[in-house]
Amino acid sequence: MTADWIDVAIASTVDAGELMGLLGDATVQGAWQDESVIHLYWPEHGWSPDHLRQIEAALRQLGRDSVMPAIHVQSIPHRDWNRVWADSVKPLRVGRRLVIRPSWEAVVLQPGELEIVLDPKQAFGTGHHATTRMLLEWLEDLIQGGETVLDVGTGSGVLAMAALRLGAAQALGIDHDPVAIDCAQEYARANGFGAELALRCEALAAERVYDLVLANLDRQTLRTLADALAGCTGSRLLVSGLLLDQREEIVAAFAAAGLYPGRQRDGDGWLAMEFTRAQSCEGATE
């Protein structure tokens, strides 16, 4: 059988969606994540060594691995890899109420459950990765109703949409990637959101204060944006995308910007943290 696909296997804990978002390559035909290995698929005629260099550059930009992860490139026989990939994406129940599912997988909702439909594309953020999942779980506890929410690095928009489903009044999601914003806007329409959800391709600017600010970003980006994030934060900032050993560095960066750590959560080696404007007694790890 003719080998007409390229399977790129990457031994890394980064989120496949974040990686694809940074690549911004429309020739990628699918991706899936098997524990600590990411698989990306290209048609063989569309593959070149330049793609490998772009993958390495994106991995360095994400900065989640202390050394460059092993990357194995192989040719594989023709199969409907889009279907293989699609079949690997299953509905996800997060926390007590949230259900995130692809459109091709129907779910019978239980009383009180809230649904978001996401078909993974180049703009990922399905909630399967720990960095996103922890924030989704946290939103269930924090959203009381009527809040304004800013989601920085929104990707698929899932965090902003979840906040609205849970009762927030307005949400803005911003991202530097126009492909991500196009996909997020499509998801928003498919889920019936209107003017209460804005999704824009723009840089963060501290022009307005929000009740809750969300930032699922890498360590270096969080450090760079610390002052701007602090300027947008009213009651609370939640950050994710950190490895456990990066905590003190981020605490120092936000302390310099006038924000102080509160509660934190961890899972699968990742850390999510709460920051507020005043030192709180809520310093216990959840």
Protein backbone atom coordinates (compact mmCIF):
# COMPACT_ATOMS: atom_id res chain seq x y z
CA MET A 1 0.00 0.00 0.00
CA THR A 2 1.27 3.46 -0.87
CA ALA A 3 2.65 5.41 2.06
CA ASP A 4 1.09 8.81 1.48
CA TRP A 5 0.77 10.38 4.94
CA ILE A 6 3.32 11.80 7.35
CA ASP A 7 2.83 11.05 11.05
CA VAL A 8 4.83 13.38 13.31
CA ALA A 9 4.98 11.97 16.85
CA ILE A 10 6.16 14.41 19.53
CA ALA A 11 6.98 13.21 23.05
CA SER A 12 5.74 16.26 24.95
CA THR A 13 3.23 17.32 27.60
CA VAL A 14 2.21 20.46 25.70
CA ASP A 15 -1.39 20.75 24.56
CA ALA A 16 -1.84 19.59 20.95
CA GLY A 17 -4.24 22.43 20.31
CA GLU A 18 -1.83 25.09 21.53
CA LEU A 19 0.87 23.61 19.33
CA MET A 20 -1.37 23.59 16.25
CA GLY A 21 -2.49 27.12 16.99
CA LEU A 22 1.11 28.34 17.00
CA LEU A 23 1.90 26.45 13.81
CA GLY A 24 -1.05 28.05 12.01
CA ASP A 25 -0.59 25.55 9.17
CA ALA A 26 -3.70 24.83 7.13
CA THR A 27 -2.08 21.73 5.60
CA VAL A 28 -2.22 19.83 8.91
CA GLN A 29 -4.99 17.28 8.44
CA GLY A 30 -5.47 16.22 12.05
CA ALA A 31 -4.01 15.86 15.51
CA TRP A 32 -4.55 13.74 18.54
CA GLN A 33 -2.89 13.27 21.89
CA ASP A 34 -2.14 9.85 23.37
CA GLU A 35 -1.03 10.44 26.97
CA SER A 36 2.37 12.13 26.57
CA VAL A 37 2.67 11.81 22.79
CA ILE A 38 1.18 14.24 20.25
CA HIS A 39 0.51 13.04 16.70
CA LEU A 40 0.21 15.51 13.83
CA TYR A 41 -0.66 14.41 10.28
CA TRP A 42 0.31 15.90 6.93
CA PRO A 43 -0.32 14.59 3.42
CA GLU A 44 3.04 13.32 2.19
CA HIS A 45 3.08 15.66 -0.80
CA GLY A 46 2.63 18.63 1.55
CA TRP A 47 5.44 17.77 3.95
CA SER A 48 8.92 19.30 3.93
CA PRO A 49 11.80 19.73 6.41
CA ASP A 50 10.57 23.30 6.92
CA HIS A 51 7.58 21.87 8.81
CA LEU A 52 9.91 20.16 11.26
CA ARG A 53 11.75 23.42 11.91
CA GLN A 54 8.42 25.18 12.46
CA ILE A 55 7.37 22.51 14.97
CA GLU A 56 10.63 22.91 16.89
CA ALA A 57 10.24 26.70 16.92
CA ALA A 58 6.66 26.40 18.21
CA LEU A 59 7.76 24.00 20.96
CA ARG A 60 10.46 26.44 22.04
CA GLN A 61 7.92 29.26 22.08
CA LEU A 62 5.56 27.26 24.29
CA GLY A 63 8.47 26.65 26.66
CA ARG A 64 6.80 23.73 28.46
CA ASP A 65 9.68 21.25 28.00
CA SER A 66 13.06 21.78 29.67
CA VAL A 67 14.79 20.24 26.62
CA MET A 68 13.62 19.82 23.04
CA PRO A 69 11.32 16.76 23.04
CA ALA A 70 11.95 13.77 20.80
CA ILE A 71 10.21 14.09 17.42
CA HIS A 72 9.70 11.01 15.25
CA VAL A 73 8.63 11.47 11.62
CA GLN A 74 7.38 8.49 9.63
CA SER A 75 5.42 7.72 6.46
CA ILE A 76 2.26 5.71 6.94
CA PRO A 77 -0.21 4.03 4.55
CA HIS A 78 -3.31 5.87 3.49
CA ARG A 79 -6.19 5.90 5.95
CA ASP A 80 -8.92 8.37 6.72
CA TRP A 81 -6.87 10.03 9.45
CA ASN A 82 -9.42 12.79 9.85
CA ARG A 83 -11.91 10.10 10.86
CA VAL A 84 -9.40 8.37 13.15
CA TRP A 85 -8.72 11.72 14.79
CA ALA A 86 -12.40 12.63 15.05
CA ASP A 87 -13.25 9.28 16.60
CA SER A 88 -10.62 9.89 19.30
CA VAL A 89 -12.39 13.07 20.52
CA LYS A 90 -15.05 12.12 23.03
CA PRO A 91 -17.49 14.12 25.18
CA LEU A 92 -15.94 15.47 28.36
CA ARG A 93 -17.69 16.14 31.65
CA VAL A 94 -15.83 18.77 33.65
CA GLY A 95 -16.63 19.46 37.26
CA ARG A 96 -20.24 19.11 38.33
CA ARG A 97 -22.11 20.73 35.46
CA LEU A 98 -20.13 21.34 32.30
CA VAL A 99 -20.28 19.01 29.29
CA ILE A 100 -18.03 19.69 26.30
CA ARG A 101 -18.64 17.55 23.24
CA PRO A 102 -17.98 17.41 19.50
CA SER A 103 -21.06 17.82 17.32
CA TRP A 104 -20.90 14.20 16.14
CA GLU A 105 -21.21 12.78 19.69
CA ALA A 106 -24.66 13.20 21.21
CA VAL A 107 -24.95 13.38 25.01
CA VAL A 108 -28.00 13.00 27.22
CA LEU A 109 -27.72 15.91 29.63
CA GLN A 110 -28.50 15.36 33.28
CA PRO A 111 -30.52 17.94 35.24
CA GLY A 112 -28.46 21.08 35.72
CA GLU A 113 -25.78 20.19 33.19
CA LEU A 114 -24.60 22.84 30.73
CA GLU A 115 -23.39 21.98 27.24
CA ILE A 116 -20.78 23.48 24.94
CA VAL A 117 -20.32 21.97 21.47
CA LEU A 118 -16.77 22.15 20.08
CA ASP A 119 -15.46 20.42 16.98
CA PRO A 120 -11.65 20.51 17.39
CA LYS A 121 -9.92 22.36 14.58
CA GLN A 122 -6.78 24.47 14.40
CA ALA A 123 -7.98 26.48 17.39
CA PHE A 124 -8.03 23.93 20.17
CA GLY A 125 -9.06 24.17 23.76
CA THR A 126 -11.54 21.37 24.29
CA GLY A 127 -11.02 21.11 28.04
CA HIS A 128 -9.19 17.80 27.86
CA HIS A 129 -5.82 19.30 28.79
CA ALA A 130 -5.23 19.90 32.49
CA THR A 131 -4.40 23.60 32.03
CA THR A 132 -7.87 24.27 30.58
CA ARG A 133 -9.73 21.73 32.70
CA MET A 134 -8.58 23.25 36.00
CA LEU A 135 -9.88 26.69 35.01
CA LEU A 136 -13.20 25.23 33.84
CA GLU A 137 -13.61 23.51 37.20
CA TRP A 138 -12.69 26.71 39.02
CA LEU A 139 -15.24 28.72 37.07
CA GLU A 140 -18.02 26.55 38.47
CA ASP A 141 -17.10 27.71 41.97
CA LEU A 142 -16.44 31.37 41.18
CA ILE A 143 -19.20 32.47 38.80
CA GLN A 144 -22.11 33.70 40.89
CA GLY A 145 -23.99 35.54 38.14
CA GLY A 146 -23.64 38.86 36.34
CA GLU A 147 -19.84 39.03 36.15
CA THR A 148 -17.76 40.55 33.38
CA VAL A 149 -15.00 38.22 32.19
CA LEU A 150 -11.85 38.70 30.12
CA ASP A 151 -10.21 35.59 28.61
CA VAL A 152 -6.66 36.33 27.42
CA GLY A 153 -5.30 33.84 24.90
CA THR A 154 -8.81 32.56 24.35
CA GLY A 155 -8.02 29.92 21.68
CA SER A 156 -11.30 28.14 21.01
CA GLY A 157 -13.14 30.49 23.37
CA VAL A 158 -14.18 27.61 25.62
CA LEU A 159 -13.38 29.41 28.88
CA ALA A 160 -15.32 32.52 27.89
CA MET A 161 -18.26 30.41 26.72
CA ALA A 162 -18.22 28.34 29.91
CA ALA A 163 -18.25 31.49 32.04
CA LEU A 164 -21.35 32.71 30.21
CA ARG A 165 -23.06 29.33 30.46
CA LEU A 166 -22.46 29.44 34.21
CA GLY A 167 -24.06 32.87 34.55
CA ALA A 168 -21.56 35.61 33.70
CA ALA A 169 -23.14 38.59 31.99
CA GLN A 170 -20.47 39.48 29.43
CA ALA A 171 -17.23 37.95 28.21
CA LEU A 172 -14.45 39.12 25.93
CA GLY A 173 -11.95 36.65 24.50
CA ILE A 174 -8.80 37.94 22.83
CA ASP A 175 -6.01 36.11 21.01
CA HIS A 176 -3.08 37.07 18.78
CA ASP A 177 -3.94 34.26 16.33
CA PRO A 178 -6.56 35.22 13.69
CA VAL A 179 -7.18 31.54 12.87
CA ALA A 180 -8.07 30.89 16.50
CA ILE A 181 -10.46 33.84 16.59
CA ASP A 182 -12.15 32.77 13.35
CA CYS A 183 -12.71 29.31 14.81
CA ALA A 184 -13.86 30.70 18.16
CA GLN A 185 -16.40 32.97 16.46
CA GLU A 186 -17.73 29.95 14.56
CA TYR A 187 -18.05 28.01 17.81
CA ALA A 188 -19.83 30.95 19.45
CA ARG A 189 -22.42 31.08 16.68
CA ALA A 190 -22.91 27.31 16.79
CA ASN A 191 -23.55 27.51 20.53
CA GLY A 192 -26.07 30.33 20.22
CA PHE A 193 -24.06 33.14 21.79
CA GLY A 194 -24.75 36.71 20.73
CA ALA A 195 -23.63 40.16 21.79
CA GLU A 196 -22.77 38.96 25.30
CA LEU A 197 -19.66 37.27 23.86
CA ALA A 198 -17.04 39.23 21.94
CA LEU A 199 -14.04 37.48 20.37
CA ARG A 200 -11.31 39.63 18.89
CA CYS A 201 -7.82 39.32 17.48
CA GLU A 202 -5.97 41.97 19.43
CA ALA A 203 -3.27 42.55 21.98
CA LEU A 204 -4.06 42.95 25.66
CA ALA A 205 -4.52 46.56 26.73
CA ALA A 206 -5.49 47.65 30.25
CA GLU A 207 -8.36 49.83 29.09
CA ARG A 208 -11.11 48.32 31.24
CA VAL A 209 -11.40 46.45 34.54
CA TYR A 210 -13.15 43.06 34.56
CA ASP A 211 -14.59 41.17 37.51
CA LEU A 212 -12.70 38.04 36.48
CA VAL A 213 -9.66 37.74 34.21
CA LEU A 214 -8.52 34.37 32.83
CA ALA A 215 -5.09 33.77 31.33
CA ASN A 216 -4.17 30.25 30.22
CA LEU A 217 -0.74 31.12 28.84
CA ASP A 218 2.87 30.00 29.04
CA ARG A 219 5.27 31.21 31.74
CA GLN A 220 7.09 33.77 29.62
CA THR A 221 3.89 35.32 28.25
CA LEU A 222 2.44 35.60 31.75
CA ARG A 223 5.59 37.40 32.90
CA THR A 224 5.48 39.75 29.93
CA LEU A 225 1.79 40.56 30.43
CA ALA A 226 1.83 40.79 34.24
CA ASP A 227 1.35 44.58 34.39
CA ALA A 228 -1.36 44.60 31.71
CA LEU A 229 -3.20 41.68 33.34
CA ALA A 230 -3.04 43.45 36.71
CA GLY A 231 -4.43 46.58 35.11
CA CYS A 232 -7.48 44.68 33.85
CA THR A 233 -8.15 42.76 37.06
CA GLY A 234 -10.95 43.81 39.36
CA SER A 235 -11.73 41.08 41.87
CA ARG A 236 -9.68 38.15 40.65
CA LEU A 237 -7.18 36.85 38.10
CA LEU A 238 -6.82 33.14 37.35
CA VAL A 239 -3.73 31.97 35.49
CA SER A 240 -2.87 28.55 34.12
CA GLY A 241 -0.33 27.00 31.78
CA LEU A 242 2.39 26.77 34.42
CA LEU A 243 4.57 23.88 35.47
CA LEU A 244 4.79 23.30 39.21
CA ASP A 245 8.37 24.56 39.47
CA GLN A 246 7.47 27.89 37.82
CA ARG A 247 5.28 29.05 40.71
CA GLU A 248 7.70 31.34 42.54
CA GLU A 249 8.80 33.08 39.36
CA ILE A 250 5.18 33.94 38.49
CA VAL A 251 4.38 34.97 42.07
CA ALA A 252 7.28 37.43 41.96
CA ALA A 253 6.21 38.84 38.58
CA PHE A 254 2.65 39.50 39.72
CA ALA A 255 3.72 40.82 43.12
CA ALA A 256 5.70 43.47 41.26
CA ALA A 257 2.48 44.31 39.40
CA GLY A 258 0.48 44.61 42.63
CA LEU A 259 -1.25 41.21 42.69
CA TYR A 260 -0.80 38.53 45.32
CA PRO A 261 -1.38 34.77 45.23
CA GLY A 262 -4.39 33.11 46.78
CA ARG A 263 -5.61 29.60 46.14
CA GLN A 264 -4.07 27.22 43.64
CA ARG A 265 -4.85 23.94 41.93
CA ASP A 266 -2.62 21.39 40.28
CA GLY A 267 -3.07 18.40 38.02
CA ASP A 268 -0.90 16.27 35.74
CA GLY A 269 2.15 18.33 36.67
CA TRP A 270 0.45 21.65 35.80
CA LEU A 271 -0.45 24.55 38.08
CA ALA A 272 -3.31 27.06 38.07
CA MET A 273 -3.23 30.04 40.42
CA GLU A 274 -5.49 32.78 41.75
CA PHE A 275 -4.25 36.35 42.17
CA THR A 276 -6.01 39.21 43.93
CA ARG A 277 -5.15 42.79 44.81
CA ALA A 278 -4.87 42.21 48.55
CA GLN A 279 -3.20 39.40 50.44
CA SER A 280 -5.89 36.89 51.32
CA CYS A 281 -6.19 34.31 54.06
CA GLU A 282 -7.31 31.83 51.39
CA GLY A 283 -3.84 30.49 50.82
CA ALA A 284 -4.71 26.82 51.05
CA THR A 285 -4.11 24.58 48.08
CA GLU A 286 -7.28 22.94 46.77
